[in-house]
C-alpha atoms as a PDB file:
ATOM      1  CA  MET A   1     -11.637 -38.164  10.719  1.00  0.00           C
ATOM      2  CA  THR A   2     -11.172 -40.722  13.658  1.00  0.00           C
ATOM      3  CA  GLN A   3      -9.724 -39.649  16.941  1.00  0.00           C
ATOM      4  CA  CYS A   4      -6.775 -41.836  16.367  1.00  0.00           C
ATOM      5  CA  ASN A   5      -5.464 -40.317  13.083  1.00  0.00           C
ATOM      6  CA  LEU A   6      -5.695 -36.651  15.139  1.00  0.00           C
ATOM      7  CA  PHE A   7      -2.330 -37.218  15.860  1.00  0.00           C
ATOM      8  CA  ASP A   8      -0.586 -39.062  13.265  1.00  0.00           C
ATOM      9  CA  VAL A   9       2.282 -37.523  12.006  1.00  0.00           C
ATOM     10  CA  SER A  10       3.632 -40.476   9.707  1.00  0.00           C
ATOM     11  CA  ALA A  11       2.867 -37.965   6.382  1.00  0.00           C
ATOM     12  CA  GLU A  12       4.840 -35.459   7.766  1.00  0.00           C
ATOM     13  CA  LEU A  13       8.547 -33.995   6.701  1.00  0.00           C
ATOM     14  CA  VAL A  14       9.468 -31.842  10.481  1.00  0.00           C
ATOM     15  CA  VAL A  15      12.454 -29.776  10.218  1.00  0.00           C
ATOM     16  CA  ILE A  16      14.058 -29.351  13.736  1.00  0.00           C
ATOM     17  CA  THR A  17      16.722 -26.546  14.643  1.00  0.00           C
ATOM     18  CA  GLY A  18      18.954 -26.806  17.599  1.00  0.00           C
ATOM     19  CA  ALA A  19      18.648 -30.469  16.582  1.00  0.00           C
ATOM     20  CA  SER A  20      21.803 -31.677  18.407  1.00  0.00           C
ATOM     21  CA  GLY A  21      20.859 -30.180  22.181  1.00  0.00           C
ATOM     22  CA  GLN A  22      18.817 -31.882  24.888  1.00  0.00           C
ATOM     23  CA  LEU A  23      15.337 -30.691  23.426  1.00  0.00           C
ATOM     24  CA  GLY A  24      16.108 -30.669  19.923  1.00  0.00           C
ATOM     25  CA  ASN A  25      16.816 -34.362  20.305  1.00  0.00           C
ATOM     26  CA  GLU A  26      13.743 -35.225  22.184  1.00  0.00           C
ATOM     27  CA  TYR A  27      11.591 -33.012  19.116  1.00  0.00           C
ATOM     28  CA  ALA A  28      13.260 -35.189  16.756  1.00  0.00           C
ATOM     29  CA  ARG A  29      12.657 -38.349  18.490  1.00  0.00           C
ATOM     30  CA  ALA A  30       8.909 -37.815  19.408  1.00  0.00           C
ATOM     31  CA  TYR A  31       8.905 -37.591  15.488  1.00  0.00           C
ATOM     32  CA  LEU A  32      10.577 -40.433  14.395  1.00  0.00           C
ATOM     33  CA  GLU A  33       8.879 -42.589  16.895  1.00  0.00           C
ATOM     34  CA  GLY A  34       5.638 -41.293  15.422  1.00  0.00           C
ATOM     35  CA  GLY A  35       7.040 -42.451  11.673  1.00  0.00           C
ATOM     36  CA  ALA A  36       7.645 -38.954  10.463  1.00  0.00           C
ATOM     37  CA  ARG A  37      10.228 -37.934   8.326  1.00  0.00           C
ATOM     38  CA  VAL A  38      13.240 -35.805  10.700  1.00  0.00           C
ATOM     39  CA  VAL A  39      15.977 -33.324   9.052  1.00  0.00           C
ATOM     40  CA  GLY A  40      18.374 -31.931  12.090  1.00  0.00           C
ATOM     41  CA  LEU A  41      19.525 -28.445  11.411  1.00  0.00           C
ATOM     42  CA  ASP A  42      22.306 -27.576  14.067  1.00  0.00           C
ATOM     43  CA  LEU A  43      26.068 -26.381  13.505  1.00  0.00           C
ATOM     44  CA  ALA A  44      27.445 -29.806  14.150  1.00  0.00           C
ATOM     45  CA  ALA A  45      26.541 -33.322  15.251  1.00  0.00           C
ATOM     46  CA  SER A  46      26.577 -34.838  18.502  1.00  0.00           C
ATOM     47  CA  ALA A  47      26.697 -38.109  19.889  1.00  0.00           C
ATOM     48  CA  LYS A  48      22.794 -38.172  19.866  1.00  0.00           C
ATOM     49  CA  SER A  49      21.724 -37.183  17.182  1.00  0.00           C
ATOM     50  CA  ASP A  50      24.355 -39.786  15.792  1.00  0.00           C
ATOM     51  CA  GLU A  51      22.532 -41.751  17.626  1.00  0.00           C
ATOM     52  CA  LEU A  52      19.469 -40.779  15.856  1.00  0.00           C
ATOM     53  CA  ALA A  53      20.493 -41.264  12.379  1.00  0.00           C
ATOM     54  CA  ALA A  54      21.950 -44.632  13.311  1.00  0.00           C
ATOM     55  CA  GLN A  55      18.394 -46.009  14.549  1.00  0.00           C
ATOM     56  CA  TYR A  56      16.488 -44.052  12.050  1.00  0.00           C
ATOM     57  CA  ALA A  57      19.217 -44.373   8.959  1.00  0.00           C
ATOM     58  CA  GLU A  58      16.041 -43.837   6.644  1.00  0.00           C
ATOM     59  CA  ARG A  59      14.179 -41.495   7.785  1.00  0.00           C
ATOM     60  CA  TYR A  60      16.625 -38.740   9.817  1.00  0.00           C
ATOM     61  CA  HIS A  61      19.165 -36.237   8.022  1.00  0.00           C
ATOM     62  CA  PHE A  62      21.125 -33.843   9.905  1.00  0.00           C
ATOM     63  CA  VAL A  63      22.379 -31.452   8.372  1.00  0.00           C
ATOM     64  CA  VAL A  64      25.281 -28.588   9.497  1.00  0.00           C
ATOM     65  CA  ALA A  65      23.605 -25.133   8.769  1.00  0.00           C
ATOM     66  CA  SER A  66      23.528 -21.830  11.005  1.00  0.00           C
ATOM     67  CA  VAL A  67      20.331 -20.287  11.648  1.00  0.00           C
ATOM     68  CA  THR A  68      22.046 -16.833  11.441  1.00  0.00           C
ATOM     69  CA  ASP A  69      23.105 -17.149   8.015  1.00  0.00           C
ATOM     70  CA  LYS A  70      20.337 -17.020   5.081  1.00  0.00           C
ATOM     71  CA  ALA A  71      22.420 -18.781   2.716  1.00  0.00           C
ATOM     72  CA  SER A  72      23.295 -21.598   5.346  1.00  0.00           C
ATOM     73  CA  LEU A  73      19.468 -21.693   5.383  1.00  0.00           C
ATOM     74  CA  GLN A  74      19.147 -21.832   1.994  1.00  0.00           C
ATOM     75  CA  GLY A  75      21.567 -24.518   1.168  1.00  0.00           C
ATOM     76  CA  ALA A  76      19.809 -26.408   3.978  1.00  0.00           C
ATOM     77  CA  LEU A  77      16.509 -26.714   2.051  1.00  0.00           C
ATOM     78  CA  ALA A  78      18.270 -27.111  -1.305  1.00  0.00           C
ATOM     79  CA  ASP A  79      19.266 -30.194   0.594  1.00  0.00           C
ATOM     80  CA  VAL A  80      16.342 -30.928   2.326  1.00  0.00           C
ATOM     81  CA  GLU A  81      13.942 -30.993  -0.855  1.00  0.00           C
ATOM     82  CA  GLN A  82      16.634 -33.287  -3.136  1.00  0.00           C
ATOM     83  CA  ALA A  83      16.603 -35.771  -0.163  1.00  0.00           C
ATOM     84  CA  PHE A  84      12.973 -35.875   1.152  1.00  0.00           C
ATOM     85  CA  GLY A  85      10.858 -32.766  -0.577  1.00  0.00           C
ATOM     86  CA  THR A  86       8.910 -29.739   1.257  1.00  0.00           C
ATOM     87  CA  PRO A  87       9.074 -29.503   4.839  1.00  0.00           C
ATOM     88  CA  SER A  88       5.995 -29.952   6.323  1.00  0.00           C
ATOM     89  CA  VAL A  89       6.818 -28.907   9.920  1.00  0.00           C
ATOM     90  CA  LEU A  90       9.365 -26.308  10.865  1.00  0.00           C
ATOM     91  CA  ILE A  91      10.325 -26.378  14.513  1.00  0.00           C
ATOM     92  CA  ASN A  92      12.201 -23.141  15.849  1.00  0.00           C
ATOM     93  CA  ASN A  93      14.206 -25.063  18.690  1.00  0.00           C
ATOM     94  CA  ALA A  94      17.921 -23.388  18.032  1.00  0.00           C
ATOM     95  CA  ALA A  95      18.414 -20.597  21.022  1.00  0.00           C
ATOM     96  CA  ILE A  96      21.043 -19.636  23.166  1.00  0.00           C
ATOM     97  CA  ASP A  97      21.964 -17.645  26.723  1.00  0.00           C
ATOM     98  CA  SER A  98      24.091 -17.152  29.278  1.00  0.00           C
ATOM     99  CA  PRO A  99      24.797 -20.327  31.046  1.00  0.00           C
ATOM    100  CA  PRO A 100      25.785 -19.719  34.678  1.00  0.00           C
ATOM    101  CA  SER A 101      29.320 -20.657  33.775  1.00  0.00           C
ATOM    102  CA  ALA A 102      29.433 -17.393  31.522  1.00  0.00           C
ATOM    103  CA  PRO A 103      31.887 -14.651  32.029  1.00  0.00           C
ATOM    104  CA  PRO A 104      31.042 -12.709  35.133  1.00  0.00           C
ATOM    105  CA  GLU A 105      30.361  -9.691  32.580  1.00  0.00           C
ATOM    106  CA  GLU A 106      27.459 -11.922  31.219  1.00  0.00           C
ATOM    107  CA  ASN A 107      25.948 -12.627  34.592  1.00  0.00           C
ATOM    108  CA  GLY A 108      26.485  -9.303  36.176  1.00  0.00           C
ATOM    109  CA  PRO A 109      24.542  -6.530  36.906  1.00  0.00           C
ATOM    110  CA  PHE A 110      22.080  -4.859  33.833  1.00  0.00           C
ATOM    111  CA  GLU A 111      23.672  -1.560  33.706  1.00  0.00           C
ATOM    112  CA  ASP A 112      27.287  -3.475  32.975  1.00  0.00           C
ATOM    113  CA  TYR A 113      25.597  -6.001  30.062  1.00  0.00           C
ATOM    114  CA  PRO A 114      27.900  -6.215  27.253  1.00  0.00           C
ATOM    115  CA  GLU A 115      26.327  -5.008  23.874  1.00  0.00           C
ATOM    116  CA  ALA A 116      28.250  -7.562  22.318  1.00  0.00           C
ATOM    117  CA  SER A 117      26.554 -10.129  24.152  1.00  0.00           C
ATOM    118  CA  TRP A 118      23.297  -8.741  23.445  1.00  0.00           C
ATOM    119  CA  ASP A 119      23.812  -8.795  19.947  1.00  0.00           C
ATOM    120  CA  LYS A 120      24.647 -12.609  19.714  1.00  0.00           C
ATOM    121  CA  VAL A 121      21.680 -13.593  21.710  1.00  0.00           C
ATOM    122  CA  VAL A 122      18.740 -11.528  19.875  1.00  0.00           C
ATOM    123  CA  ASP A 123      20.924 -12.674  16.750  1.00  0.00           C
ATOM    124  CA  VAL A 124      20.046 -16.735  18.109  1.00  0.00           C
ATOM    125  CA  ASN A 125      17.097 -16.256  19.306  1.00  0.00           C
ATOM    126  CA  LEU A 126      14.637 -13.518  17.215  1.00  0.00           C
ATOM    127  CA  LYS A 127      16.768 -13.494  13.980  1.00  0.00           C
ATOM    128  CA  GLY A 128      17.498 -16.991  13.838  1.00  0.00           C
ATOM    129  CA  VAL A 129      13.641 -17.799  14.122  1.00  0.00           C
ATOM    130  CA  TYR A 130      12.932 -15.007  11.411  1.00  0.00           C
ATOM    131  CA  LEU A 131      15.184 -16.667   8.896  1.00  0.00           C
ATOM    132  CA  CYS A 132      14.212 -19.434   9.671  1.00  0.00           C
ATOM    133  CA  CYS A 133      10.499 -18.824   8.559  1.00  0.00           C
ATOM    134  CA  GLN A 134      11.554 -16.622   5.888  1.00  0.00           C
ATOM    135  CA  VAL A 135      13.462 -19.492   4.391  1.00  0.00           C
ATOM    136  CA  PHE A 136      11.432 -22.869   4.853  1.00  0.00           C
ATOM    137  CA  GLY A 137       8.338 -21.109   5.919  1.00  0.00           C
ATOM    138  CA  ALA A 138       8.043 -19.808   2.323  1.00  0.00           C
ATOM    139  CA  ALA A 139       8.422 -22.751   0.812  1.00  0.00           C
ATOM    140  CA  MET A 140       5.381 -24.160   2.884  1.00  0.00           C
ATOM    141  CA  ALA A 141       3.851 -21.390   2.208  1.00  0.00           C
ATOM    142  CA  LYS A 142       4.575 -22.289  -1.948  1.00  0.00           C
ATOM    143  CA  ALA A 143       3.178 -26.029  -0.733  1.00  0.00           C
ATOM    144  CA  CYS A 144       0.254 -24.141   0.351  1.00  0.00           C
ATOM    145  CA  ARG A 145       1.065 -26.406   3.554  1.00  0.00           C
ATOM    146  CA  GLY A 146       2.558 -26.187   6.968  1.00  0.00           C
ATOM    147  CA  SER A 147       2.764 -25.967  10.710  1.00  0.00           C
ATOM    148  CA  ILE A 148       5.264 -23.581  12.097  1.00  0.00           C
ATOM    149  CA  ILE A 149       6.165 -24.007  15.962  1.00  0.00           C
ATOM    150  CA  ASN A 150       8.372 -21.355  17.252  1.00  0.00           C
ATOM    151  CA  VAL A 151       9.593 -22.152  21.167  1.00  0.00           C
ATOM    152  CA  ALA A 152       9.295 -19.741  23.418  1.00  0.00           C
ATOM    153  CA  SER A 153      10.069 -18.940  26.970  1.00  0.00           C
ATOM    154  CA  ILE A 154       8.041 -18.051  30.432  1.00  0.00           C
ATOM    155  CA  TYR A 155      10.733 -15.934  30.592  1.00  0.00           C
ATOM    156  CA  GLY A 156       9.670 -14.225  27.182  1.00  0.00           C
ATOM    157  CA  VAL A 157       6.015 -13.746  29.187  1.00  0.00           C
ATOM    158  CA  VAL A 158       7.158 -12.730  32.332  1.00  0.00           C
ATOM    159  CA  SER A 159      10.268 -11.230  34.127  1.00  0.00           C
ATOM    160  CA  PRO A 160      12.565 -13.528  35.465  1.00  0.00           C
ATOM    161  CA  ASP A 161      12.996 -14.578  39.242  1.00  0.00           C
ATOM    162  CA  GLN A 162      15.847 -12.901  40.442  1.00  0.00           C
ATOM    163  CA  SER A 163      15.096 -14.071  43.806  1.00  0.00           C
ATOM    164  CA  LEU A 164      16.150 -17.703  42.445  1.00  0.00           C
ATOM    165  CA  TYR A 165      19.585 -16.645  42.154  1.00  0.00           C
ATOM    166  CA  GLU A 166      20.045 -15.496  46.087  1.00  0.00           C
ATOM    167  CA  TYR A 167      21.602 -18.218  47.027  1.00  0.00           C
ATOM    168  CA  ARG A 168      24.767 -16.914  44.089  1.00  0.00           C
ATOM    169  CA  ARG A 169      24.828 -13.465  45.561  1.00  0.00           C
ATOM    170  CA  GLN A 170      24.658 -15.107  49.624  1.00  0.00           C
ATOM    171  CA  ARG A 171      27.764 -16.589  48.909  1.00  0.00           C
ATOM    172  CA  GLY A 172      29.417 -13.557  47.166  1.00  0.00           C
ATOM    173  CA  GLU A 173      28.780 -13.972  43.257  1.00  0.00           C
ATOM    174  CA  VAL A 174      27.080 -11.131  41.209  1.00  0.00           C
ATOM    175  CA  PHE A 175      25.080 -13.025  39.527  1.00  0.00           C
ATOM    176  CA  PHE A 176      21.591 -11.547  37.662  1.00  0.00           C
ATOM    177  CA  LYS A 177      19.460 -13.523  34.802  1.00  0.00           C
ATOM    178  CA  PRO A 178      20.957 -11.136  31.855  1.00  0.00           C
ATOM    179  CA  VAL A 179      18.084  -9.447  29.775  1.00  0.00           C
ATOM    180  CA  ALA A 180      18.877 -10.413  26.437  1.00  0.00           C
ATOM    181  CA  TYR A 181      17.288 -14.112  26.498  1.00  0.00           C
ATOM    182  CA  SER A 182      14.032 -12.543  27.756  1.00  0.00           C
ATOM    183  CA  ALA A 183      13.948  -9.509  25.301  1.00  0.00           C
ATOM    184  CA  SER A 184      14.638 -12.176  22.470  1.00  0.00           C
ATOM    185  CA  LYS A 185      12.004 -14.444  23.381  1.00  0.00           C
ATOM    186  CA  SER A 186       9.287 -12.149  24.080  1.00  0.00           C
ATOM    187  CA  GLY A 187       9.752 -11.059  20.306  1.00  0.00           C
ATOM    188  CA  ILE A 188       8.859 -14.745  19.370  1.00  0.00           C
ATOM    189  CA  PHE A 189       5.008 -14.179  20.410  1.00  0.00           C
ATOM    190  CA  ASN A 190       4.124 -11.002  17.894  1.00  0.00           C
ATOM    191  CA  LEU A 191       6.953 -12.619  15.221  1.00  0.00           C
ATOM    192  CA  THR A 192       4.456 -15.797  15.192  1.00  0.00           C
ATOM    193  CA  ARG A 193       1.276 -13.606  15.467  1.00  0.00           C
ATOM    194  CA  TYR A 194       2.180 -11.775  12.369  1.00  0.00           C
ATOM    195  CA  LEU A 195       3.059 -15.145  10.023  1.00  0.00           C
ATOM    196  CA  ALA A 196      -0.279 -16.307  11.289  1.00  0.00           C
ATOM    197  CA  VAL A 197      -1.714 -13.491   9.833  1.00  0.00           C
ATOM    198  CA  TYR A 198      -0.005 -13.460   6.887  1.00  0.00           C
ATOM    199  CA  TRP A 199       0.597 -17.409   5.803  1.00  0.00           C
ATOM    200  CA  ALA A 200      -3.286 -17.673   7.084  1.00  0.00           C
ATOM    201  CA  LYS A 201      -4.906 -18.021   3.248  1.00  0.00           C
ATOM    202  CA  GLN A 202      -2.024 -20.451   2.252  1.00  0.00           C
ATOM    203  CA  ASN A 203      -2.654 -23.022   4.683  1.00  0.00           C
ATOM    204  CA  VAL A 204       0.695 -22.496   6.652  1.00  0.00           C
ATOM    205  CA  ARG A 205      -0.362 -21.981  11.092  1.00  0.00           C
ATOM    206  CA  VAL A 206       2.432 -20.752  12.758  1.00  0.00           C
ATOM    207  CA  ASN A 207       2.434 -21.036  16.894  1.00  0.00           C
ATOM    208  CA  SER A 208       4.231 -20.477  18.977  1.00  0.00           C
ATOM    209  CA  LEU A 209       5.397 -22.919  22.353  1.00  0.00           C
ATOM    210  CA  THR A 210       5.969 -21.417  25.664  1.00  0.00           C
ATOM    211  CA  ILE A 211       7.884 -23.910  27.971  1.00  0.00           C
ATOM    212  CA  ALA A 212       9.467 -23.565  31.776  1.00  0.00           C
ATOM    213  CA  GLY A 213      13.559 -25.242  32.910  1.00  0.00           C
ATOM    214  CA  VAL A 214      14.231 -28.705  31.831  1.00  0.00           C
ATOM    215  CA  PHE A 215      15.883 -30.785  34.347  1.00  0.00           C
ATOM    216  CA  ASN A 216      19.371 -30.857  33.310  1.00  0.00           C
ATOM    217  CA  ASN A 217      21.515 -31.630  36.342  1.00  0.00           C
ATOM    218  CA  GLN A 218      21.125 -28.207  37.809  1.00  0.00           C
ATOM    219  CA  GLU A 219      23.233 -27.734  41.260  1.00  0.00           C
ATOM    220  CA  PRO A 220      21.289 -28.615  44.397  1.00  0.00           C
ATOM    221  CA  ALA A 221      20.529 -25.386  45.366  1.00  0.00           C
ATOM    222  CA  PHE A 222      18.968 -23.961  42.350  1.00  0.00           C
ATOM    223  CA  LEU A 223      16.731 -26.793  41.877  1.00  0.00           C
ATOM    224  CA  LYS A 224      15.514 -26.030  45.624  1.00  0.00           C
ATOM    225  CA  THR A 225      14.582 -22.440  44.950  1.00  0.00           C
ATOM    226  CA  TYR A 226      13.363 -23.143  41.522  1.00  0.00           C
ATOM    227  CA  CYS A 227      11.298 -26.162  42.507  1.00  0.00           C
ATOM    228  CA  GLY A 228       9.904 -24.254  45.295  1.00  0.00           C
ATOM    229  CA  ARG A 229       8.474 -21.412  43.094  1.00  0.00           C
ATOM    230  CA  ILE A 230       7.120 -23.553  40.317  1.00  0.00           C
ATOM    231  CA  PRO A 231       3.398 -24.510  41.590  1.00  0.00           C
ATOM    232  CA  VAL A 232       4.168 -28.782  40.468  1.00  0.00           C
ATOM    233  CA  GLY A 233       7.124 -28.594  42.726  1.00  0.00           C
ATOM    234  CA  ARG A 234      10.133 -29.782  39.905  1.00  0.00           C
ATOM    235  CA  MET A 235      11.375 -29.117  36.629  1.00  0.00           C
ATOM    236  CA  ALA A 236      10.404 -30.728  33.837  1.00  0.00           C
ATOM    237  CA  SER A 237      11.784 -33.685  32.038  1.00  0.00           C
ATOM    238  CA  ALA A 238      13.425 -33.367  28.556  1.00  0.00           C
ATOM    239  CA  SER A 239      10.278 -35.715  26.899  1.00  0.00           C
ATOM    240  CA  GLU A 240       7.980 -33.769  28.619  1.00  0.00           C
ATOM    241  CA  TYR A 241       7.335 -30.985  26.112  1.00  0.00           C
ATOM    242  CA  ASN A 242       6.818 -33.636  23.188  1.00  0.00           C
ATOM    243  CA  GLY A 243       3.214 -34.375  23.153  1.00  0.00           C
ATOM    244  CA  SER A 244       3.047 -30.426  22.983  1.00  0.00           C
ATOM    245  CA  VAL A 245       5.320 -30.273  19.841  1.00  0.00           C
ATOM    246  CA  LEU A 246       3.235 -33.237  18.197  1.00  0.00           C
ATOM    247  CA  PHE A 247      -0.073 -31.617  18.615  1.00  0.00           C
ATOM    248  CA  LEU A 248       1.383 -28.584  16.832  1.00  0.00           C
ATOM    249  CA  GLY A 249       2.795 -30.783  13.805  1.00  0.00           C
ATOM    250  CA  SER A 250      -0.683 -32.723  13.634  1.00  0.00           C
ATOM    251  CA  LEU A 251      -4.039 -32.291  12.246  1.00  0.00           C
ATOM    252  CA  ALA A 252      -5.564 -32.299  16.216  1.00  0.00           C
ATOM    253  CA  SER A 253      -4.359 -28.392  15.798  1.00  0.00           C
ATOM    254  CA  ARG A 254      -5.333 -27.834  12.538  1.00  0.00           C
ATOM    255  CA  TYR A 255      -7.773 -24.827  13.137  1.00  0.00           C
ATOM    256  CA  MET A 256      -5.169 -23.416  15.881  1.00  0.00           C
ATOM    257  CA  THR A 257      -2.524 -20.995  14.459  1.00  0.00           C
ATOM    258  CA  GLY A 258      -1.364 -17.202  16.260  1.00  0.00           C
ATOM    259  CA  SER A 259      -1.671 -19.032  19.349  1.00  0.00           C
ATOM    260  CA  ASN A 260       0.448 -19.252  22.312  1.00  0.00           C
ATOM    261  CA  LEU A 261       0.888 -22.929  24.054  1.00  0.00           C
ATOM    262  CA  VAL A 262       1.631 -22.504  27.613  1.00  0.00           C
ATOM    263  CA  VAL A 263       3.558 -26.006  29.107  1.00  0.00           C
ATOM    264  CA  ASP A 264       5.367 -24.285  32.207  1.00  0.00           C
ATOM    265  CA  GLY A 265       3.877 -26.683  35.405  1.00  0.00           C
ATOM    266  CA  GLY A 266       1.999 -23.400  36.235  1.00  0.00           C
ATOM    267  CA  TRP A 267       4.878 -20.866  36.581  1.00  0.00           C
ATOM    268  CA  THR A 268       3.247 -17.526  34.607  1.00  0.00           C
ATOM    269  CA  ALA A 269      -0.540 -18.608  36.845  1.00  0.00           C
ATOM    270  CA  ILE A 270       1.204 -16.967  39.860  1.00  0.00           C
END
């Protein structure tokens, strides 16, 4: 095998959850530009996913599905298999968090964090990955071929740096980065390792990708503190994780399974 085609993904059929979001759309475009066929899964299409469907009409297929509903995912798999065949790459990208604009109780002290918010975040971020692996991973295992990429976070490796939000507290707000996102993302690591061992003989590789923050027009006060904390001095652009997902879905990583690839601008090195 030559160095050139180590990273060739043109033969892959890629399923991406959370495909309508900022990063899901980037991952889809990266694989489409590499010649792959891509199926985007999300609760609803977005302008960006519609744009991909128009640009890559023969190779991009969008399916409405919920990662927390196994019957919905089984229906999506049937749709994918009818349109294209058995997926060879699964990117578990769908995730939610309490945004800065969430109700005060969601971004308040840990002691008051709502149980319903915990359940909702863990349901999507961890149970959603488990269900997608059950449905799409099982199809890959049956075909004896596949790569699963579980998108994790620096906040699954280390605790959120609450000092980043001191500027909000100084202006009179009660604000703390909530607990559920971190707890759910940390669960990704052992789910990944479990499945990597479980499906090793079926030639299904399972790895996690740990990423840091992505620039998305955050307020200047946050950017100043965040960029001052991260060694490279800036947030990632949305396209800067594309190389990692292409690597993990290609033959270039064919001996890599049960691993965690960290791409975080040096955040967890401190």
